Protein backbone atom coordinates (compact mmCIF):
# COMPACT_ATOMS: atom_id res chain seq x y z
CA UNK A 1 54.20 99.02 92.16
CA UNK A 2 55.02 96.65 89.34
CA UNK A 3 53.66 96.96 85.83
CA UNK A 4 52.27 93.76 84.35
CA UNK A 5 53.16 93.09 80.71
CA UNK A 6 50.33 93.22 78.24
CA UNK A 7 50.22 90.01 76.23
CA UNK A 8 47.12 90.84 74.28
CA UNK A 9 44.24 89.98 76.64
CA UNK A 10 42.59 91.50 79.68
CA UNK A 11 44.16 88.81 81.88
CA UNK A 12 47.72 89.50 80.70
CA UNK A 13 47.89 86.15 78.93
CA UNK A 14 47.30 85.01 75.40
CA UNK A 15 48.86 85.36 71.98
CA UNK A 16 49.80 88.65 70.39
CA UNK A 17 50.77 89.28 66.81
CA UNK A 18 54.31 90.63 66.55
CA UNK A 19 54.51 92.23 63.12
CA UNK A 20 57.99 93.57 63.71
CA UNK A 21 60.35 94.34 60.87
CA UNK A 22 62.70 91.53 61.90
CA UNK A 23 59.98 88.87 61.84
CA UNK A 24 58.69 90.17 58.51
CA UNK A 25 62.11 90.07 56.89
CA UNK A 26 62.78 86.55 58.18
CA UNK A 27 59.45 85.36 56.85
CA UNK A 28 59.87 86.88 53.41
CA UNK A 29 63.51 85.91 53.01
CA UNK A 30 62.89 82.35 54.21
CA UNK A 31 59.88 81.90 51.94
CA UNK A 32 61.73 83.42 48.98
CA UNK A 33 64.80 81.18 49.35
CA UNK A 34 62.63 78.13 49.96
CA UNK A 35 60.37 78.65 46.95
CA UNK A 36 63.27 79.55 44.68
CA UNK A 37 65.09 76.45 45.87
CA UNK A 38 62.15 74.27 44.86
CA UNK A 39 62.31 75.54 41.28
CA UNK A 40 66.02 76.37 41.15
CA UNK A 41 66.80 73.78 38.49
CA UNK A 42 64.10 75.17 36.21
CA UNK A 43 65.22 78.77 36.73
CA UNK A 44 68.94 78.20 36.32
CA UNK A 45 69.29 75.19 34.05
CA UNK A 46 66.25 75.49 31.81
CA UNK A 47 65.52 79.20 31.68
CA UNK A 48 69.14 80.28 32.37
CA UNK A 49 67.97 83.16 34.56
CA UNK A 50 70.45 84.21 37.23
CA UNK A 51 69.69 84.10 40.96
CA UNK A 52 70.80 87.71 41.28
CA UNK A 53 68.13 88.97 38.89
CA UNK A 54 65.36 87.05 40.64
CA UNK A 55 66.53 88.23 44.09
CA UNK A 56 66.77 91.86 42.99
CA UNK A 57 63.29 91.84 41.47
CA UNK A 58 61.86 90.24 44.61
CA UNK A 59 63.62 92.85 46.75
CA UNK A 60 62.01 95.60 44.68
CA UNK A 61 58.60 93.89 44.86
CA UNK A 62 58.66 93.55 48.66
CA UNK A 63 60.46 96.85 49.26
CA UNK A 64 59.10 100.33 50.00
CA UNK A 65 58.30 101.12 46.36
CA UNK A 66 55.81 98.23 46.04
CA UNK A 67 54.44 95.97 48.80
CA UNK A 68 56.36 97.81 51.55
CA UNK A 69 56.81 94.65 53.61
CA UNK A 70 60.56 95.26 53.83
CA UNK A 71 61.35 98.79 55.07
CA UNK A 72 65.14 99.26 55.22
CA UNK A 73 64.85 102.85 56.49
CA UNK A 74 63.24 101.59 59.70
CA UNK A 75 66.23 99.33 60.47
CA UNK A 76 68.61 102.26 60.92
CA UNK A 77 71.01 104.06 58.63
CA UNK A 78 70.84 102.23 55.29
CA UNK A 79 74.36 103.19 54.28
CA UNK A 80 75.84 101.89 57.54
CA UNK A 81 74.17 98.55 56.88
CA UNK A 82 74.95 98.37 53.17
CA UNK A 83 78.68 99.08 53.43
CA UNK A 84 79.66 96.22 55.79
CA UNK A 85 77.14 93.88 54.17
CA UNK A 86 78.55 94.38 50.66
CA UNK A 87 82.11 94.27 51.98
CA UNK A 88 81.52 90.93 53.69
CA UNK A 89 79.83 89.32 50.70
CA UNK A 90 82.43 90.55 48.20
CA UNK A 91 85.31 89.50 50.46
CA UNK A 92 84.05 85.93 50.79
CA UNK A 93 83.32 85.74 47.08
CA UNK A 94 86.79 86.96 46.19
CA UNK A 95 88.47 84.35 48.37
CA UNK A 96 86.34 81.70 46.67
CA UNK A 97 87.21 83.10 43.24
CA UNK A 98 90.90 82.94 44.08
CA UNK A 99 90.61 79.35 45.32
CA UNK A 100 88.69 78.17 42.27
CA UNK A 101 91.24 79.47 39.77
CA UNK A 102 94.04 77.13 38.65
CA UNK A 103 97.27 77.18 40.61
CA UNK A 104 99.44 80.28 40.09
CA UNK A 105 96.97 81.53 37.50
CA UNK A 106 97.65 85.20 38.19
CA UNK A 107 101.38 84.72 37.60
CA UNK A 108 100.95 82.56 34.51
CA UNK A 109 98.40 84.89 32.89
CA UNK A 110 99.85 88.18 34.10
CA UNK A 111 99.87 89.73 30.64
CA UNK A 112 96.16 89.17 30.01
CA UNK A 113 95.23 90.39 33.48
CA UNK A 114 97.46 93.44 33.15
CA UNK A 115 95.88 94.37 29.82
CA UNK A 116 92.39 94.07 31.26
CA UNK A 117 93.30 96.07 34.37
CA UNK A 118 95.45 98.94 33.05
CA UNK A 119 94.18 100.00 29.60
CA UNK A 120 90.67 98.47 29.58
CA UNK A 121 89.75 99.51 33.10
CA UNK A 122 91.21 102.99 32.65
CA UNK A 123 89.34 103.55 29.38
CA UNK A 124 86.08 102.41 30.97
CA UNK A 125 86.63 104.85 33.84
CA UNK A 126 87.29 107.77 31.51
CA UNK A 127 84.47 106.93 29.10
CA UNK A 128 81.93 106.38 31.89
CA UNK A 129 82.83 109.73 33.41
CA UNK A 130 82.53 111.40 30.01
CA UNK A 131 79.04 109.95 29.51
CA UNK A 132 77.96 111.14 32.97
CA UNK A 133 79.38 114.60 32.32
CA UNK A 134 77.55 114.94 29.00
CA UNK A 135 74.22 113.68 30.29
CA UNK A 136 74.28 115.52 33.65
CA UNK A 137 75.68 119.01 32.95
CA UNK A 138 75.42 120.06 36.61
CA UNK A 139 78.41 117.80 37.35
CA UNK A 140 81.99 118.70 36.47
CA UNK A 141 84.23 116.15 34.78
CA UNK A 142 86.21 115.56 38.00
CA UNK A 143 82.97 114.93 39.86
CA UNK A 144 81.92 112.56 37.11
CA UNK A 145 85.20 110.69 37.57
CA UNK A 146 84.17 109.89 41.15
CA UNK A 147 80.95 108.25 39.99
CA UNK A 148 82.73 106.61 37.05
CA UNK A 149 85.23 105.03 39.44
CA UNK A 150 82.40 103.37 41.37
CA UNK A 151 80.97 101.62 38.30
CA UNK A 152 84.30 100.75 36.66
CA UNK A 153 85.19 97.46 38.44
CA UNK A 154 83.66 94.25 37.12
CA UNK A 155 81.49 92.70 39.78
CA UNK A 156 82.93 89.32 40.93
CA UNK A 157 79.56 88.00 42.10
CA UNK A 158 77.77 88.57 38.80
CA UNK A 159 80.87 87.44 36.88
CA UNK A 160 80.91 84.13 38.75
CA UNK A 161 77.21 83.67 37.99
CA UNK A 162 77.97 84.15 34.28
CA UNK A 163 80.90 81.72 34.06
CA UNK A 164 79.27 78.96 36.11
CA UNK A 165 76.48 76.57 35.29
CA UNK A 166 75.81 74.10 32.51
CA UNK A 167 75.48 76.69 29.78
CA UNK A 168 78.87 78.24 30.56
CA UNK A 169 80.57 74.88 30.97
CA UNK A 170 79.12 73.70 27.66
CA UNK A 171 79.57 76.76 25.46
CA UNK A 172 82.13 79.05 27.10
CA UNK A 173 85.76 77.87 26.81
CA UNK A 174 87.52 77.22 30.10
CA UNK A 175 90.28 79.73 29.37
CA UNK A 176 87.67 82.47 28.86
CA UNK A 177 85.80 81.61 32.06
CA UNK A 178 89.04 81.67 34.03
CA UNK A 179 90.19 85.04 32.69
CA UNK A 180 86.79 86.64 33.39
CA UNK A 181 86.86 85.36 36.98
CA UNK A 182 90.47 86.48 37.46
CA UNK A 183 89.80 89.92 36.01
CA UNK A 184 86.74 90.40 38.22
CA UNK A 185 88.73 89.40 41.29
CA UNK A 186 91.68 91.67 40.58
CA UNK A 187 89.94 94.75 39.26
CA UNK A 188 87.43 94.85 42.12
CA UNK A 189 90.37 95.59 44.39
CA UNK A 190 91.81 98.02 41.85
CA UNK A 191 88.78 100.27 42.13
CA UNK A 192 90.47 102.11 45.01
CA UNK A 193 93.15 103.89 42.91
CA UNK A 194 90.57 105.28 40.47
CA UNK A 195 88.19 106.41 43.19
CA UNK A 196 90.79 108.00 45.45
CA UNK A 197 92.55 109.77 42.59
CA UNK A 198 89.31 111.53 41.71
CA UNK A 199 88.60 112.29 45.38
CA UNK A 200 92.13 113.63 45.91
CA UNK A 201 91.95 115.90 42.86
CA UNK A 202 88.68 117.34 44.15
CA UNK A 203 89.53 117.72 47.83
CA UNK A 204 93.24 118.70 47.76
CA UNK A 205 94.04 122.17 46.47
CA UNK A 206 97.50 121.35 45.10
CA UNK A 207 97.28 118.85 42.24
CA UNK A 208 100.92 117.82 42.69
CA UNK A 209 100.44 117.15 46.38
CA UNK A 210 97.23 115.24 45.67
CA UNK A 211 98.92 112.94 43.14
CA UNK A 212 101.95 112.38 45.40
CA UNK A 213 99.76 111.53 48.37
CA UNK A 214 97.62 109.28 46.17
CA UNK A 215 100.65 107.39 44.89
CA UNK A 216 102.15 106.79 48.34
CA UNK A 217 98.95 106.05 50.22
CA UNK A 218 97.01 104.11 47.58
CA UNK A 219 99.61 102.37 45.42
CA UNK A 220 102.25 101.62 48.03
CA UNK A 221 100.23 101.16 51.21
CA UNK A 222 96.92 99.84 49.93
CA UNK A 223 97.73 98.02 46.68
CA UNK A 224 101.30 96.77 47.20
CA UNK A 225 100.83 95.97 50.89
CA UNK A 226 97.57 94.15 50.24
CA UNK A 227 99.23 91.94 47.60
CA UNK A 228 102.14 91.07 49.91
CA UNK A 229 99.81 90.52 52.86
CA UNK A 230 97.40 88.38 50.82
CA UNK A 231 100.21 86.12 49.55
CA UNK A 232 101.66 85.74 53.05
CA UNK A 233 98.35 84.95 54.75
CA UNK A 234 97.30 82.54 52.01
CA UNK A 235 100.56 80.56 52.07
CA UNK A 236 100.69 80.46 55.89
CA UNK A 237 97.05 79.32 56.08
CA UNK A 238 97.77 76.60 53.52
CA UNK A 239 100.82 75.38 55.44
CA UNK A 240 98.93 75.30 58.73
CA UNK A 241 96.06 73.34 57.21
CA UNK A 242 98.44 70.84 55.61
CA UNK A 243 100.20 70.40 58.96
CA UNK A 244 96.90 69.83 60.71
CA UNK A 245 95.87 67.29 58.06
CA UNK A 246 99.17 65.47 58.40
CA UNK A 247 98.70 65.05 62.15
CA UNK A 248 94.96 64.34 61.72
CA UNK A 249 93.87 67.26 63.91
CA UNK A 250 91.12 68.58 61.64
CA UNK A 251 87.84 66.91 60.77
CA UNK A 252 85.95 66.99 57.49
CA UNK A 253 83.54 69.80 58.43
CA UNK A 254 86.20 72.29 59.50
CA UNK A 255 88.39 71.34 56.58
CA UNK A 256 85.62 72.26 54.13
CA UNK A 257 84.75 75.47 55.99
CA UNK A 258 88.35 76.63 56.36
CA UNK A 259 88.03 79.08 53.46
CA UNK A 260 85.38 80.99 55.43
CA UNK A 261 87.72 81.60 58.37
CA UNK A 262 90.38 82.74 55.90
CA UNK A 263 87.92 85.21 54.34
CA UNK A 264 86.87 86.69 57.67
CA UNK A 265 90.45 86.93 58.94
CA UNK A 266 91.72 88.73 55.83
CA UNK A 267 88.80 91.17 55.80
CA UNK A 268 89.14 91.91 59.50
CA UNK A 269 92.90 92.38 59.61
CA UNK A 270 92.99 94.47 56.43
CA UNK A 271 90.25 96.65 57.88
CA UNK A 272 92.29 97.11 61.06
CA UNK A 273 95.43 98.24 59.23
CA UNK A 274 93.54 100.19 56.55
CA UNK A 275 94.77 98.40 53.43
CA UNK A 276 92.87 97.09 50.38
CA UNK A 277 90.87 94.20 51.82
CA UNK A 278 89.23 93.17 48.55
CA UNK A 279 92.48 92.71 46.62
CA UNK A 280 94.08 90.98 49.61
CA UNK A 281 91.13 88.56 49.83
CA UNK A 282 91.45 87.51 46.20
CA UNK A 283 95.24 87.15 46.38
CA UNK A 284 94.99 85.20 49.65
CA UNK A 285 92.48 82.78 48.10
CA UNK A 286 94.70 82.06 45.11
CA UNK A 287 97.83 81.69 47.27
CA UNK A 288 95.95 79.42 49.67
CA UNK A 289 95.13 77.05 46.81
CA UNK A 290 98.74 77.01 45.57
CA UNK A 291 99.40 73.85 43.54
CA UNK A 292 95.61 73.27 43.57
CA UNK A 293 95.87 71.90 47.11
CA UNK A 294 92.51 73.06 48.50
CA UNK A 295 90.84 73.37 45.11
CA UNK A 296 91.21 69.68 44.30
CA UNK A 297 90.16 68.48 47.75
CA UNK A 298 86.91 70.48 47.70
CA UNK A 299 86.03 70.17 44.02
CA UNK A 300 83.18 67.74 44.73
CA UNK A 301 81.90 69.53 47.82
CA UNK A 302 78.79 71.70 47.69
CA UNK A 303 79.45 73.89 50.75
CA UNK A 304 81.14 76.64 48.74
CA UNK A 305 78.37 76.70 46.15
CA UNK A 306 75.64 76.67 48.80
CA UNK A 307 77.18 79.52 50.78
CA UNK A 308 77.77 81.41 47.54
CA UNK A 309 74.07 81.08 46.61
CA UNK A 310 72.76 82.15 50.02
CA UNK A 311 75.01 85.22 50.13
CA UNK A 312 74.05 86.21 46.59
CA UNK A 313 70.33 85.92 47.26
CA UNK A 314 70.60 87.95 50.46
CA UNK A 315 72.70 90.81 49.10
CA UNK A 316 70.75 91.24 45.87
CA UNK A 317 67.45 91.11 47.75
CA UNK A 318 68.81 93.91 49.95
CA UNK A 319 69.95 95.91 46.93
CA UNK A 320 66.49 95.62 45.39
CA UNK A 321 64.82 96.70 48.62
CA UNK A 322 67.13 99.71 49.07
CA UNK A 323 66.93 100.99 45.51
CA UNK A 324 66.85 104.85 45.79
CA UNK A 325 63.80 105.52 43.62
CA UNK A 326 63.04 108.94 45.09
CA UNK A 327 66.62 110.10 44.57
CA UNK A 328 66.46 108.92 40.97
CA UNK A 329 63.33 110.97 40.38
CA UNK A 330 64.96 114.01 42.00
CA UNK A 331 68.02 114.10 39.73
CA UNK A 332 66.21 112.96 36.59
CA UNK A 333 62.46 113.23 36.10
CA UNK A 334 62.87 112.26 32.45
CA UNK A 335 65.29 110.50 30.12
CA UNK A 336 68.80 111.33 31.36
CA UNK A 337 69.34 108.40 33.69
CA UNK A 338 68.22 105.82 31.13
CA UNK A 339 70.47 107.28 28.41
CA UNK A 340 73.48 107.46 30.73
CA UNK A 341 73.10 103.89 31.95
CA UNK A 342 72.65 102.41 28.47
CA UNK A 343 75.59 104.37 27.09
CA UNK A 344 77.84 103.18 29.92
CA UNK A 345 76.88 99.54 29.39
CA UNK A 346 77.41 99.72 25.62
CA UNK A 347 80.45 101.99 25.29
CA UNK A 348 82.22 101.53 28.62
CA UNK A 349 83.92 98.22 27.88
CA UNK A 350 82.78 96.31 24.80
CA UNK A 351 84.34 98.42 21.99
CA UNK A 352 87.74 98.57 23.66
CA UNK A 353 88.10 94.83 24.22
CA UNK A 354 87.00 94.25 20.63
CA UNK A 355 89.71 96.68 19.51
CA UNK A 356 92.50 95.24 21.67
CA UNK A 357 91.72 91.53 21.97
CA UNK A 358 94.81 90.53 19.98
CA UNK A 359 96.96 91.95 22.79
CA UNK A 360 95.14 89.82 25.41
CA UNK A 361 96.51 86.26 25.11
CA UNK A 362 93.59 84.57 26.89
CA UNK A 363 91.05 86.28 24.62
CA UNK A 364 91.84 84.14 21.60
CA UNK A 365 89.30 85.25 18.99
CA UNK A 366 86.90 88.05 18.20
CA UNK A 367 84.09 85.86 19.53
CA UNK A 368 85.92 85.58 22.83
CA UNK A 369 86.36 89.35 22.85
CA UNK A 370 82.65 89.85 22.18
CA UNK A 371 81.74 87.64 25.12
CA UNK A 372 84.35 89.10 27.48
CA UNK A 373 83.52 92.63 26.40
CA UNK A 374 79.81 92.30 26.96
CA UNK A 375 79.92 90.34 30.20
CA UNK A 376 81.60 92.93 32.37
CA UNK A 377 78.73 93.36 34.83
CA UNK A 378 78.23 96.13 37.38
CA UNK A 379 76.72 95.07 40.69
CA UNK A 380 77.60 94.71 44.34
CA UNK A 381 81.11 96.12 43.86
CA UNK A 382 79.68 99.38 42.50
CA UNK A 383 77.34 99.68 45.50
CA UNK A 384 80.32 99.10 47.80
CA UNK A 385 82.43 101.82 46.19
CA UNK A 386 79.49 104.23 46.24
CA UNK A 387 79.28 103.73 50.00
CA UNK A 388 83.02 104.39 50.26
CA UNK A 389 82.70 107.64 48.27
CA UNK A 390 79.62 109.13 49.96
CA UNK A 391 81.20 110.14 53.32
CA UNK A 392 83.83 112.28 51.56
CA UNK A 393 81.13 114.63 50.28
CA UNK A 394 78.31 114.24 52.82
CA UNK A 395 79.08 117.40 54.81
CA UNK A 396 80.76 119.45 52.09
CA UNK A 397 78.40 122.07 50.71
CA UNK A 398 80.69 122.58 47.71
CA UNK A 399 79.74 119.16 46.34
CA UNK A 400 76.02 118.91 47.03
CA UNK A 401 75.23 118.00 43.42
CA UNK A 402 77.85 115.23 43.41
CA UNK A 403 76.55 113.81 46.68
CA UNK A 404 73.00 113.76 45.34
CA UNK A 405 74.01 112.02 42.10
CA UNK A 406 76.28 109.22 43.39
CA UNK A 407 73.68 106.77 44.66
CA UNK A 408 71.05 107.23 41.92
CA UNK A 409 73.51 106.79 39.05
CA UNK A 410 75.41 103.88 40.63
CA UNK A 411 72.27 102.02 41.70
CA UNK A 412 70.59 102.59 38.33
CA UNK A 413 73.66 101.25 36.50
CA UNK A 414 73.81 98.22 38.79
CA UNK A 415 70.09 97.51 38.28
CA UNK A 416 70.41 97.79 34.51
CA UNK A 417 73.47 95.52 34.47
CA UNK A 418 71.82 92.92 36.70
CA UNK A 419 68.78 92.91 34.43
CA UNK A 420 70.51 93.03 31.04
CA UNK A 421 73.23 90.51 31.84
CA UNK A 422 70.74 88.33 33.69
CA UNK A 423 68.53 87.88 30.63
CA UNK A 424 71.20 87.85 27.93
CA UNK A 425 71.50 84.06 27.76
CA UNK A 426 67.71 83.43 27.61
CA UNK A 427 67.40 86.06 24.89
CA UNK A 428 70.23 84.46 22.93
CA UNK A 429 68.49 81.11 23.14
CA UNK A 430 65.22 82.57 21.90
CA UNK A 431 66.62 84.84 19.21
CA UNK A 432 69.35 82.74 17.63
CA UNK A 433 68.73 79.54 15.72
CA UNK A 434 70.54 76.88 17.68
CA UNK A 435 72.54 74.03 16.13
CA UNK A 436 71.37 70.44 16.42
CA UNK A 437 73.65 69.68 19.35
CA UNK A 438 72.30 72.59 21.31
CA UNK A 439 68.70 71.61 20.55
CA UNK A 440 69.29 68.09 21.84
CA UNK A 441 70.81 69.56 24.99
CA UNK A 442 67.82 71.87 25.42
CA UNK A 443 65.48 68.94 24.95
CA UNK A 444 67.24 67.03 27.70
CA UNK A 445 66.80 70.01 30.00
CA UNK A 446 63.12 70.53 29.29
CA UNK A 447 61.88 66.95 29.29
CA UNK A 448 62.62 63.91 31.41
CA UNK A 449 62.37 60.78 29.32
CA UNK A 450 63.20 58.40 32.13
CA UNK A 451 63.19 58.53 35.93
CA UNK A 452 66.44 58.99 37.84
CA UNK A 453 68.43 55.82 38.45
CA UNK A 454 69.86 55.15 41.90
CA UNK A 455 73.10 53.29 41.44
CA UNK A 456 74.15 50.96 44.26
CA UNK A 457 77.74 51.24 45.40
CA UNK A 458 79.49 48.23 46.84
CA UNK A 459 80.83 48.78 50.34
CA UNK A 460 83.43 47.20 52.58
CA UNK A 461 80.73 45.21 54.39
CA UNK A 462 77.07 44.42 54.01
CA UNK A 463 74.88 44.61 50.91
CA UNK A 464 75.57 47.18 48.19
CA UNK A 465 72.99 49.67 49.51
CA UNK A 466 74.36 49.57 53.04
CA UNK A 467 77.81 51.04 52.48
CA UNK A 468 79.78 53.23 50.13
CA UNK A 469 83.13 52.22 48.70
CA UNK A 470 86.07 54.56 48.50
CA UNK A 471 87.02 53.38 45.02
CA UNK A 472 84.22 52.39 42.63
CA UNK A 473 84.60 48.98 41.08
CA UNK A 474 84.42 47.95 37.45
CA UNK A 475 80.84 46.81 38.10
CA UNK A 476 79.83 50.39 38.92
CA UNK A 477 81.37 51.68 35.71
CA UNK A 478 79.50 49.06 33.71
CA UNK A 479 76.21 49.88 35.48
CA UNK A 480 76.68 53.55 34.64
CA UNK A 481 77.30 52.77 30.99
CA UNK A 482 74.26 50.52 30.78
CA UNK A 483 72.10 53.18 32.44
CA UNK A 484 73.32 55.75 29.93
CA UNK A 485 72.53 53.49 27.00
CA UNK A 486 69.09 52.63 28.34
CA UNK A 487 68.14 56.20 29.29
CA UNK A 488 70.25 58.68 27.28
CA UNK A 489 68.67 61.74 28.87
CA UNK A 490 68.19 60.45 32.37
CA UNK A 491 70.17 61.70 35.34
CA UNK A 492 72.15 59.32 37.48
CA UNK A 493 72.20 59.70 41.23
CA UNK A 494 75.66 58.64 42.28
CA UNK A 495 76.76 58.10 45.85
CA UNK A 496 80.29 59.26 46.58
CA UNK A 497 82.44 58.87 49.64
CA UNK A 498 82.19 61.42 52.44
CA UNK A 499 83.50 60.87 55.97
CA UNK A 500 80.28 62.32 57.38
CA UNK A 501 78.10 59.97 55.32
CA UNK A 502 77.20 59.31 51.70
CA UNK A 503 76.85 62.29 49.40
CA UNK A 504 74.22 62.24 46.66
CA UNK A 505 75.47 63.81 43.45
CA UNK A 506 73.46 64.38 40.26
CA UNK A 507 75.35 63.82 37.03
CA UNK A 508 74.11 63.46 33.48
CA UNK A 509 73.87 59.98 32.05
CA UNK A 510 76.38 60.89 29.37
CA UNK A 511 78.86 62.01 32.02
CA UNK A 512 78.21 58.85 34.03
CA UNK A 513 78.92 56.71 30.99
CA UNK A 514 82.12 58.41 29.95
CA UNK A 515 83.68 59.65 33.19
CA UNK A 516 86.69 57.85 34.60
CA UNK A 517 85.96 56.94 38.19
CA UNK A 518 89.52 56.06 39.04
CA UNK A 519 90.92 59.59 38.66
CA UNK A 520 88.47 61.20 41.09
CA UNK A 521 89.35 61.79 44.69
CA UNK A 522 86.86 60.30 47.14
CA UNK A 523 89.30 59.87 49.98
CA UNK A 524 89.24 61.60 53.31
CA UNK A 525 91.33 64.73 53.76
CA UNK A 526 93.78 62.80 55.94
CA UNK A 527 94.66 60.64 52.94
CA UNK A 528 95.16 63.78 50.90
CA UNK A 529 97.61 65.10 53.45
CA UNK A 530 99.61 61.90 53.27
CA UNK A 531 99.77 62.25 49.48
CA UNK A 532 101.05 65.82 49.81
């Protein structure tokens, strides 16, 4: 006897609403990304509000604490989903961060990076643990060091959001943006030594044996091996791609997406051998772009930025939806969590960079130190390290208090950092009297005085609108200048060469009038290989 499926009617046919969790999440996430995309210019370039803040707030709004449309607990074990999700997003972001830095940047600026990693990071770890110990007396100082290690690394995703965009490009010096990105990439991988030292001191009876095992396993196997492996994989991947370009075996799409395969390969292989995948990913990205090979060829492409945005929106939406509100109430029904988080954000990093900026070559003034000291955000990296730490104490009754405090404190610190650093620039714009140049820039952002101008580009055959030239002519330069003079705040829509078709690129009229079109690379990647 067969059982007929019930499709929602007495005849076994007809529509049936499927309000499953998967369909709900797809609907909300798709609508959120679509609506945000429609107003993305206003949010990012006029209001200067970060995508991560908007995504986190929307995750909270649609999560269990509010609308309850997104119910992470019903999808399975939250921690088993969060750990690989954060690891994947951070790994891809770190490869991108390494690629986007100038060639051999880590070697050239080793002194600045070393100062930010060794003394600054260590002081933040110790101070954060001290704050946690003072505010939560049920935790010992060693237990507080475990939580402090999770929130010590600077988050590369939030750091990239801070150093990108028109505001950063206009008002933050390039050397400062580069050092913040480099520090975030390196110290996210250096979170392992701090975390595992605290874990070893708690779990191993002999302190000497714990430190010896920590040095051999963490510093030699995880840190040193990951650096060597990252350099080797990055250089080999670069050589293989250059060889493929030389023989014209690779097309434009796979050339642009090659960084993604590099990210996945490094994360997967490092996971298999048990070494530091985050540090290896960043090192591999920078080695892959040695001599600015890949960086220059993809500088005008939007694939990296688009993938970066989609990953950021997804992970921060998930973080907002999985915020452990009940656990926060359990460990702190009153003021302790707020005091601890604010103290960590204020005293964890800023005072020490202000005190030592003269020993950091790339932090060239006290204003640079103020910016670098404040913008050391805590985010996805902290969530990742919290997920790494939790299994060590899940089944140990001796550390019940520590296990109960890890997620609430780490998530609360990440939420505060996402919020505070996400609104810092808008608050600065509202609270500080801006100079005339800044006001004119703001005016150009908030009001269109002329419609966009579509500039025709002469092609190898046919009328100007029918083809795109590989090298713009003098006529195009003159048209750009005339458009800038006629509409000083308008945006030009410039067509540039792409083997898959014309690419529409928005540039300011001022940039269109002053940029040199002969120094830009609009050639196919095969031409680039021949130049190399």
